[in-house]
Amino acid sequence: MGIAILATSGCQTQGAWVGEWVGTRPLLTQQREDPTAQTLARVRLTINADGTFKLVEAGFDKEGEVVFRDKTATLTIQRMLGRPIEQLGPDIQGQGGTRTLRLEPERKMTFIRGEGFPDIVLQRREDVKDEE
């Protein structure tokens, strides 16, 4: 009985993460009218129930596996631009690594890339108006 409760609890936690999330990296005032800067600032994340994800960040398509915890999750980027990350050059490999997610109230999460990068608040796509 304890095992069934644990398994159900894990599914409920994972279910809070599954879906499509969108957000925008903060832009400098002079960048706000630049279409290229706007594209590079967008973050789109799709988390699948099977523990995989697809991420568009800084204009690059990335894929990998996600490990769920209670209120945090870790994305491990394994593929970029449709290829295994280890097959890409060192400059591109720097776009890989891990990302941390933290669940927030009101159907939001914080996307954390790490030192030198601002955290980004992501919302469920269906909650965002005028999303392209």
Protein backbone atom coordinates (compact mmCIF):
# COMPACT_ATOMS: atom_id res chain seq x y z
CA MET A 1 0.00 0.00 0.00
CA GLY A 2 2.86 2.40 0.82
CA ILE A 3 4.40 1.79 -2.59
CA ALA A 4 1.14 2.64 -4.38
CA ILE A 5 0.85 5.91 -2.46
CA LEU A 6 4.45 6.82 -3.32
CA ALA A 7 3.95 6.06 -7.00
CA THR A 8 0.74 8.08 -7.12
CA SER A 9 2.42 10.98 -5.34
CA GLY A 10 5.26 10.95 -7.87
CA CYS A 11 2.82 11.02 -10.79
CA GLN A 12 0.99 14.02 -9.29
CA THR A 13 4.28 15.88 -8.87
CA GLN A 14 5.35 15.06 -12.43
CA GLY A 15 1.92 16.10 -13.72
CA ALA A 16 2.47 19.63 -12.38
CA TRP A 17 5.42 19.96 -14.77
CA VAL A 18 4.05 18.37 -17.95
CA GLY A 19 2.98 20.76 -20.69
CA GLU A 20 4.19 23.74 -22.69
CA TRP A 21 5.76 26.73 -20.93
CA VAL A 22 6.83 30.10 -22.36
CA GLY A 23 8.69 33.16 -21.16
CA THR A 24 11.00 35.96 -22.24
CA ARG A 25 14.49 36.84 -21.06
CA PRO A 26 14.67 40.52 -19.98
CA LEU A 27 15.78 42.87 -22.75
CA LEU A 28 17.65 46.16 -22.57
CA THR A 29 15.53 49.17 -23.58
CA GLN A 30 17.31 49.53 -26.94
CA GLN A 31 16.72 45.83 -27.73
CA ARG A 32 12.96 45.84 -27.21
CA GLU A 33 12.20 46.93 -30.80
CA ASP A 34 14.77 44.59 -32.40
CA PRO A 35 13.02 41.49 -33.85
CA THR A 36 16.20 39.39 -33.62
CA ALA A 37 16.70 40.28 -29.95
CA GLN A 38 13.05 39.46 -29.27
CA THR A 39 13.44 36.02 -30.90
CA LEU A 40 16.63 35.27 -28.95
CA ALA A 41 14.95 36.36 -25.70
CA ARG A 42 12.07 33.87 -26.02
CA VAL A 43 12.15 30.62 -24.11
CA ARG A 44 9.73 27.82 -24.98
CA LEU A 45 9.81 24.57 -23.02
CA THR A 46 7.73 21.44 -23.56
CA ILE A 47 7.92 18.81 -20.82
CA ASN A 48 6.60 15.36 -21.72
CA ALA A 49 5.14 12.76 -19.34
CA ASP A 50 7.86 10.28 -20.40
CA GLY A 51 10.57 12.44 -18.74
CA THR A 52 11.84 14.10 -21.92
CA PHE A 53 11.75 17.75 -22.92
CA LYS A 54 12.14 20.07 -25.91
CA LEU A 55 13.52 23.54 -25.28
CA VAL A 56 13.99 26.54 -27.55
CA GLU A 57 16.44 28.92 -25.89
CA ALA A 58 18.50 31.68 -27.53
CA GLY A 59 17.13 30.50 -30.87
CA PHE A 60 18.51 26.94 -30.50
CA ASP A 61 16.41 23.76 -30.39
CA LYS A 62 17.52 21.53 -27.51
CA GLU A 63 16.28 18.17 -26.24
CA GLY A 64 17.02 15.86 -23.36
CA GLU A 65 15.80 14.29 -20.15
CA VAL A 66 14.23 15.85 -17.10
CA VAL A 67 14.49 14.63 -13.50
CA PHE A 68 11.57 15.70 -11.31
CA ARG A 69 11.74 16.47 -7.63
CA ASP A 70 9.01 17.96 -5.46
CA LYS A 71 9.30 21.66 -6.34
CA THR A 72 12.38 21.56 -8.61
CA ALA A 73 13.42 19.72 -11.75
CA THR A 74 16.67 19.43 -13.68
CA LEU A 75 16.88 19.48 -17.48
CA THR A 76 19.90 17.71 -18.96
CA ILE A 77 20.48 18.78 -22.56
CA GLN A 78 21.53 15.81 -24.69
CA ARG A 79 20.76 16.98 -28.23
CA MET A 80 20.94 20.33 -29.94
CA LEU A 81 19.87 21.18 -33.47
CA GLY A 82 18.86 17.53 -33.81
CA ARG A 83 22.34 16.17 -33.07
CA PRO A 84 23.99 14.70 -29.97
CA ILE A 85 25.63 17.57 -28.11
CA GLU A 86 29.02 15.83 -27.97
CA GLN A 87 29.15 15.90 -31.81
CA LEU A 88 28.95 19.70 -31.89
CA GLY A 89 31.90 22.07 -31.64
CA PRO A 90 33.08 23.46 -28.29
CA ASP A 91 31.36 26.84 -28.84
CA ILE A 92 27.99 25.17 -29.38
CA GLN A 93 28.55 22.64 -26.59
CA GLY A 94 28.58 25.60 -24.18
CA GLN A 95 24.86 25.98 -24.91
CA GLY A 96 24.31 22.52 -23.40
CA GLY A 97 24.63 21.41 -19.80
CA THR A 98 21.77 21.55 -17.33
CA ARG A 99 19.00 23.95 -16.45
CA THR A 100 17.07 24.06 -13.19
CA LEU A 101 13.35 24.66 -12.88
CA ARG A 102 11.46 25.71 -9.77
CA LEU A 103 7.66 25.50 -9.53
CA GLU A 104 5.98 28.73 -8.46
CA PRO A 105 2.38 29.55 -7.50
CA GLU A 106 -0.22 30.50 -10.11
CA ARG A 107 0.88 27.99 -12.79
CA LYS A 108 4.35 29.49 -13.22
CA MET A 109 7.92 28.25 -12.92
CA THR A 110 11.36 29.85 -12.73
CA PHE A 111 13.85 28.81 -15.40
CA ILE A 112 17.40 29.00 -14.00
CA ARG A 113 20.33 28.76 -16.40
CA GLY A 114 23.00 29.62 -13.86
CA GLU A 115 25.58 32.24 -13.06
CA GLY A 116 25.69 35.17 -15.47
CA PHE A 117 22.19 34.56 -16.81
CA PRO A 118 18.98 36.11 -15.46
CA ASP A 119 16.27 33.79 -14.16
CA ILE A 120 13.18 33.71 -16.37
CA VAL A 121 9.59 33.26 -15.23
CA LEU A 122 7.77 30.80 -17.48
CA GLN A 123 3.99 30.48 -17.68
CA ARG A 124 1.87 27.69 -19.08
CA ARG A 125 1.33 28.52 -22.75
CA GLU A 126 -2.47 28.35 -22.49
CA ASP A 127 -2.31 31.10 -19.83
CA VAL A 128 -0.43 33.53 -22.10
CA LYS A 129 -2.39 35.84 -24.40
CA ASP A 130 -1.10 36.81 -27.86
CA GLU A 131 1.59 34.11 -27.88
CA GLU A 132 2.82 33.41 -31.42
